Amino acid sequence: MTETLDSIKIDELKAAIDRGLGSTKERQLIAASEVADLLLDIRLLLAEDEAELESSPLN
């Protein structure tokens, strides 16, 4: 069975990326901790989606 992200989750992921990029667009250097924070935010959103899939009655 193929599992896909719904459009709401994709919009949330895009918004997280846009926030991260928006706060760094004027700078040439970005701290590694800022990149790690952005990646963790995206990872958490994906993990929430995965947990919802695992708990759905269809599985």
PDB file of N, CA and C in Angstrom:
ATOM      1  N   MET A   1       0.826  -1.168   0.000  1.00  0.00           N
ATOM      2  CA  MET A   1       0.000   0.000   0.000  1.00  0.00           C
ATOM      3  C   MET A   1       0.879   1.243   0.000  1.00  0.00           C
ATOM      4  N   THR A   2       0.602   2.175  -0.871  1.00  0.00           N
ATOM      5  CA  THR A   2       1.366   3.409  -0.958  1.00  0.00           C
ATOM      6  C   THR A   2       0.756   4.446  -0.031  1.00  0.00           C
ATOM      7  N   GLU A   3       1.605   5.055   0.805  1.00  0.00           N
ATOM      8  CA  GLU A   3       1.139   6.082   1.719  1.00  0.00           C
ATOM      9  C   GLU A   3       1.664   7.423   1.228  1.00  0.00           C
ATOM     10  N   THR A   4       0.802   8.421   1.195  1.00  0.00           N
ATOM     11  CA  THR A   4       1.205   9.740   0.732  1.00  0.00           C
ATOM     12  C   THR A   4       0.836  10.786   1.776  1.00  0.00           C
ATOM     13  N   LEU A   5       1.519  11.910   1.701  1.00  0.00           N
ATOM     14  CA  LEU A   5       1.200  13.036   2.568  1.00  0.00           C
ATOM     15  C   LEU A   5       0.003  13.775   1.997  1.00  0.00           C
ATOM     16  N   ASP A   6      -0.897  14.199   2.867  1.00  0.00           N
ATOM     17  CA  ASP A   6      -2.033  14.965   2.390  1.00  0.00           C
ATOM     18  C   ASP A   6      -1.621  16.421   2.155  1.00  0.00           C
ATOM     19  N   SER A   7      -2.458  17.161   1.464  1.00  0.00           N
ATOM     20  CA  SER A   7      -2.098  18.529   1.090  1.00  0.00           C
ATOM     21  C   SER A   7      -1.950  19.445   2.299  1.00  0.00           C
ATOM     22  N   ILE A   8      -2.683  19.178   3.378  1.00  0.00           N
ATOM     23  CA  ILE A   8      -2.545  20.002   4.589  1.00  0.00           C
ATOM     24  C   ILE A   8      -1.155  19.820   5.184  1.00  0.00           C
ATOM     25  N   LYS A   9      -0.691  18.582   5.272  1.00  0.00           N
ATOM     26  CA  LYS A   9       0.641  18.315   5.818  1.00  0.00           C
ATOM     27  C   LYS A   9       1.716  18.914   4.921  1.00  0.00           C
ATOM     28  N   ILE A  10       1.549  18.816   3.624  1.00  0.00           N
ATOM     29  CA  ILE A  10       2.516  19.411   2.700  1.00  0.00           C
ATOM     30  C   ILE A  10       2.558  20.923   2.882  1.00  0.00           C
ATOM     31  N   ASP A  11       1.393  21.550   3.070  1.00  0.00           N
ATOM     32  CA  ASP A  11       1.349  22.991   3.306  1.00  0.00           C
ATOM     33  C   ASP A  11       2.057  23.360   4.614  1.00  0.00           C
ATOM     34  N   GLU A  12       1.892  22.540   5.650  1.00  0.00           N
ATOM     35  CA  GLU A  12       2.575  22.779   6.924  1.00  0.00           C
ATOM     36  C   GLU A  12       4.095  22.692   6.742  1.00  0.00           C
ATOM     37  N   LEU A  13       4.540  21.687   5.985  1.00  0.00           N
ATOM     38  CA  LEU A  13       5.969  21.528   5.740  1.00  0.00           C
ATOM     39  C   LEU A  13       6.523  22.715   4.953  1.00  0.00           C
ATOM     40  N   LYS A  14       5.794  23.150   3.931  1.00  0.00           N
ATOM     41  CA  LYS A  14       6.232  24.305   3.147  1.00  0.00           C
ATOM     42  C   LYS A  14       6.299  25.557   4.016  1.00  0.00           C
ATOM     43  N   ALA A  15       5.316  25.736   4.904  1.00  0.00           N
ATOM     44  CA  ALA A  15       5.300  26.902   5.784  1.00  0.00           C
ATOM     45  C   ALA A  15       6.504  26.889   6.725  1.00  0.00           C
ATOM     46  N   ALA A  16       6.854  25.718   7.253  1.00  0.00           N
ATOM     47  CA  ALA A  16       8.022  25.614   8.134  1.00  0.00           C
ATOM     48  C   ALA A  16       9.296  25.970   7.381  1.00  0.00           C
ATOM     49  N   ILE A  17       9.408  25.490   6.160  1.00  0.00           N
ATOM     50  CA  ILE A  17      10.581  25.802   5.337  1.00  0.00           C
ATOM     51  C   ILE A  17      10.615  27.291   5.015  1.00  0.00           C
ATOM     52  N   ASP A  18       9.475  27.856   4.642  1.00  0.00           N
ATOM     53  CA  ASP A  18       9.416  29.282   4.316  1.00  0.00           C
ATOM     54  C   ASP A  18       9.789  30.151   5.511  1.00  0.00           C
ATOM     55  N   ARG A  19       9.322  29.773   6.711  1.00  0.00           N
ATOM     56  CA  ARG A  19       9.689  30.532   7.917  1.00  0.00           C
ATOM     57  C   ARG A  19      11.197  30.480   8.131  1.00  0.00           C
ATOM     58  N   GLY A  20      11.763  29.297   7.992  1.00  0.00           N
ATOM     59  CA  GLY A  20      13.203  29.148   8.183  1.00  0.00           C
ATOM     60  C   GLY A  20      14.002  29.928   7.163  1.00  0.00           C
ATOM     61  N   LEU A  21      13.581  29.857   5.915  1.00  0.00           N
ATOM     62  CA  LEU A  21      14.290  30.592   4.865  1.00  0.00           C
ATOM     63  C   LEU A  21      14.070  32.095   4.985  1.00  0.00           C
ATOM     64  N   GLY A  22      12.873  32.494   5.390  1.00  0.00           N
ATOM     65  CA  GLY A  22      12.571  33.911   5.530  1.00  0.00           C
ATOM     66  C   GLY A  22      13.436  34.591   6.574  1.00  0.00           C
ATOM     67  N   SER A  23      13.755  33.874   7.635  1.00  0.00           N
ATOM     68  CA  SER A  23      14.561  34.476   8.698  1.00  0.00           C
ATOM     69  C   SER A  23      16.048  34.503   8.361  1.00  0.00           C
ATOM     70  N   THR A  24      16.444  33.849   7.288  1.00  0.00           N
ATOM     71  CA  THR A  24      17.874  33.778   6.956  1.00  0.00           C
ATOM     72  C   THR A  24      18.206  34.360   5.587  1.00  0.00           C
ATOM     73  N   LYS A  25      17.232  34.863   4.858  1.00  0.00           N
ATOM     74  CA  LYS A  25      17.481  35.246   3.470  1.00  0.00           C
ATOM     75  C   LYS A  25      18.434  36.415   3.300  1.00  0.00           C
ATOM     76  N   GLU A  26      18.560  37.274   4.299  1.00  0.00           N
ATOM     77  CA  GLU A  26      19.436  38.441   4.185  1.00  0.00           C
ATOM     78  C   GLU A  26      20.876  38.150   4.603  1.00  0.00           C
ATOM     79  N   ARG A  27      21.110  36.972   5.157  1.00  0.00           N
ATOM     80  CA  ARG A  27      22.451  36.662   5.670  1.00  0.00           C
ATOM     81  C   ARG A  27      23.177  35.715   4.732  1.00  0.00           C
ATOM     82  N   GLN A  28      24.483  35.840   4.734  1.00  0.00           N
ATOM     83  CA  GLN A  28      25.292  34.938   3.915  1.00  0.00           C
ATOM     84  C   GLN A  28      25.660  33.664   4.677  1.00  0.00           C
ATOM     85  N   LEU A  29      25.746  33.781   6.006  1.00  0.00           N
ATOM     86  CA  LEU A  29      26.088  32.627   6.829  1.00  0.00           C
ATOM     87  C   LEU A  29      24.918  32.277   7.739  1.00  0.00           C
ATOM     88  N   ILE A  30      24.705  30.993   7.899  1.00  0.00           N
ATOM     89  CA  ILE A  30      23.634  30.505   8.760  1.00  0.00           C
ATOM     90  C   ILE A  30      24.262  29.532   9.750  1.00  0.00           C
ATOM     91  N   ALA A  31      23.948  29.729  11.014  1.00  0.00           N
ATOM     92  CA  ALA A  31      24.494  28.850  12.050  1.00  0.00           C
ATOM     93  C   ALA A  31      23.977  27.429  11.857  1.00  0.00           C
ATOM     94  N   ALA A  32      24.835  26.490  12.146  1.00  0.00           N
ATOM     95  CA  ALA A  32      24.437  25.082  12.034  1.00  0.00           C
ATOM     96  C   ALA A  32      23.248  24.775  12.939  1.00  0.00           C
ATOM     97  N   SER A  33      23.167  25.438  14.082  1.00  0.00           N
ATOM     98  CA  SER A  33      22.054  25.193  14.998  1.00  0.00           C
ATOM     99  C   SER A  33      20.721  25.644  14.386  1.00  0.00           C
ATOM    100  N   GLU A  34      20.745  26.707  13.579  1.00  0.00           N
ATOM    101  CA  GLU A  34      19.522  27.153  12.922  1.00  0.00           C
ATOM    102  C   GLU A  34      19.065  26.149  11.868  1.00  0.00           C
ATOM    103  N   VAL A  35      20.007  25.598  11.140  1.00  0.00           N
ATOM    104  CA  VAL A  35      19.681  24.578  10.137  1.00  0.00           C
ATOM    105  C   VAL A  35      19.149  23.332  10.837  1.00  0.00           C
ATOM    106  N   ALA A  36      19.790  22.953  11.934  1.00  0.00           N
ATOM    107  CA  ALA A  36      19.335  21.787  12.684  1.00  0.00           C
ATOM    108  C   ALA A  36      17.924  22.004  13.224  1.00  0.00           C
ATOM    109  N   ASP A  37      17.637  23.203  13.720  1.00  0.00           N
ATOM    110  CA  ASP A  37      16.289  23.497  14.215  1.00  0.00           C
ATOM    111  C   ASP A  37      15.246  23.357  13.109  1.00  0.00           C
ATOM    112  N   LEU A  38      15.554  23.874  11.932  1.00  0.00           N
ATOM    113  CA  LEU A  38      14.627  23.778  10.812  1.00  0.00           C
ATOM    114  C   LEU A  38      14.397  22.320  10.414  1.00  0.00           C
ATOM    115  N   LEU A  39      15.472  21.564  10.341  1.00  0.00           N
ATOM    116  CA  LEU A  39      15.333  20.149   9.992  1.00  0.00           C
ATOM    117  C   LEU A  39      14.547  19.377  11.052  1.00  0.00           C
ATOM    118  N   LEU A  40      14.760  19.713  12.311  1.00  0.00           N
ATOM    119  CA  LEU A  40      13.996  19.056  13.376  1.00  0.00           C
ATOM    120  C   LEU A  40      12.519  19.416  13.299  1.00  0.00           C
ATOM    121  N   ASP A  41      12.207  20.670  12.976  1.00  0.00           N
ATOM    122  CA  ASP A  41      10.801  21.062  12.821  1.00  0.00           C
ATOM    123  C   ASP A  41      10.135  20.245  11.717  1.00  0.00           C
ATOM    124  N   ILE A  42      10.839  20.093  10.604  1.00  0.00           N
ATOM    125  CA  ILE A  42      10.296  19.314   9.482  1.00  0.00           C
ATOM    126  C   ILE A  42      10.155  17.850   9.885  1.00  0.00           C
ATOM    127  N   ARG A  43      11.150  17.335  10.579  1.00  0.00           N
ATOM    128  CA  ARG A  43      11.115  15.934  11.028  1.00  0.00           C
ATOM    129  C   ARG A  43       9.929  15.684  11.954  1.00  0.00           C
ATOM    130  N   LEU A  44       9.662  16.634  12.868  1.00  0.00           N
ATOM    131  CA  LEU A  44       8.532  16.482  13.775  1.00  0.00           C
ATOM    132  C   LEU A  44       7.207  16.465  13.027  1.00  0.00           C
ATOM    133  N   LEU A  45       7.071  17.326  12.033  1.00  0.00           N
ATOM    134  CA  LEU A  45       5.836  17.335  11.241  1.00  0.00           C
ATOM    135  C   LEU A  45       5.643  16.005  10.515  1.00  0.00           C
ATOM    136  N   LEU A  46       6.725  15.468   9.980  1.00  0.00           N
ATOM    137  CA  LEU A  46       6.635  14.179   9.289  1.00  0.00           C
ATOM    138  C   LEU A  46       6.349  13.043  10.274  1.00  0.00           C
ATOM    139  N   ALA A  47       6.937  13.114  11.459  1.00  0.00           N
ATOM    140  CA  ALA A  47       6.710  12.075  12.456  1.00  0.00           C
ATOM    141  C   ALA A  47       5.255  12.073  12.921  1.00  0.00           C
ATOM    142  N   GLU A  48       4.663  13.263  13.064  1.00  0.00           N
ATOM    143  CA  GLU A  48       3.256  13.343  13.443  1.00  0.00           C
ATOM    144  C   GLU A  48       2.387  12.660  12.388  1.00  0.00           C
ATOM    145  N   ASP A  49       2.715  12.898  11.126  1.00  0.00           N
ATOM    146  CA  ASP A  49       1.957  12.287  10.038  1.00  0.00           C
ATOM    147  C   ASP A  49       2.120  10.768  10.058  1.00  0.00           C
ATOM    148  N   GLU A  50       3.330  10.307  10.314  1.00  0.00           N
ATOM    149  CA  GLU A  50       3.587   8.869  10.373  1.00  0.00           C
ATOM    150  C   GLU A  50       2.816   8.227  11.524  1.00  0.00           C
ATOM    151  N   ALA A  51       2.770   8.900  12.669  1.00  0.00           N
ATOM    152  CA  ALA A  51       2.040   8.376  13.819  1.00  0.00           C
ATOM    153  C   ALA A  51       0.555   8.286  13.519  1.00  0.00           C
ATOM    154  N   GLU A  52       0.025   9.271  12.814  1.00  0.00           N
ATOM    155  CA  GLU A  52      -1.387   9.239  12.431  1.00  0.00           C
ATOM    156  C   GLU A  52      -1.688   8.068  11.494  1.00  0.00           C
ATOM    157  N   LEU A  53      -0.762   7.805  10.562  1.00  0.00           N
ATOM    158  CA  LEU A  53      -0.953   6.679   9.648  1.00  0.00           C
ATOM    159  C   LEU A  53      -0.943   5.351  10.398  1.00  0.00           C
ATOM    160  N   GLU A  54      -0.018   5.216  11.354  1.00  0.00           N
ATOM    161  CA  GLU A  54       0.097   3.970  12.100  1.00  0.00           C
ATOM    162  C   GLU A  54      -1.119   3.724  12.993  1.00  0.00           C
ATOM    163  N   SER A  55      -1.744   4.791  13.471  1.00  0.00           N
ATOM    164  CA  SER A  55      -2.877   4.620  14.379  1.00  0.00           C
ATOM    165  C   SER A  55      -4.213   4.572  13.666  1.00  0.00           C
ATOM    166  N   SER A  56      -4.191   4.741  12.349  1.00  0.00           N
ATOM    167  CA  SER A  56      -5.461   4.706  11.618  1.00  0.00           C
ATOM    168  C   SER A  56      -6.017   3.275  11.617  1.00  0.00           C
ATOM    169  N   PRO A  57      -7.333   3.148  11.619  1.00  0.00           N
ATOM    170  CA  PRO A  57      -7.961   1.816  11.693  1.00  0.00           C
ATOM    171  C   PRO A  57      -7.716   0.949  10.454  1.00  0.00           C
ATOM    172  N   LEU A  58      -7.238   1.538   9.384  1.00  0.00           N
ATOM    173  CA  LEU A  58      -7.018   0.762   8.155  1.00  0.00           C
ATOM    174  C   LEU A  58      -5.750  -0.071   8.224  1.00  0.00           C
ATOM    175  N   ASN A  59      -4.849   0.233   9.161  1.00  0.00           N
ATOM    176  CA  ASN A  59      -3.587  -0.501   9.270  1.00  0.00           C
ATOM    177  C   ASN A  59      -3.706  -1.648  10.220  1.00  0.00           C
TER     178      ASN A  59
END
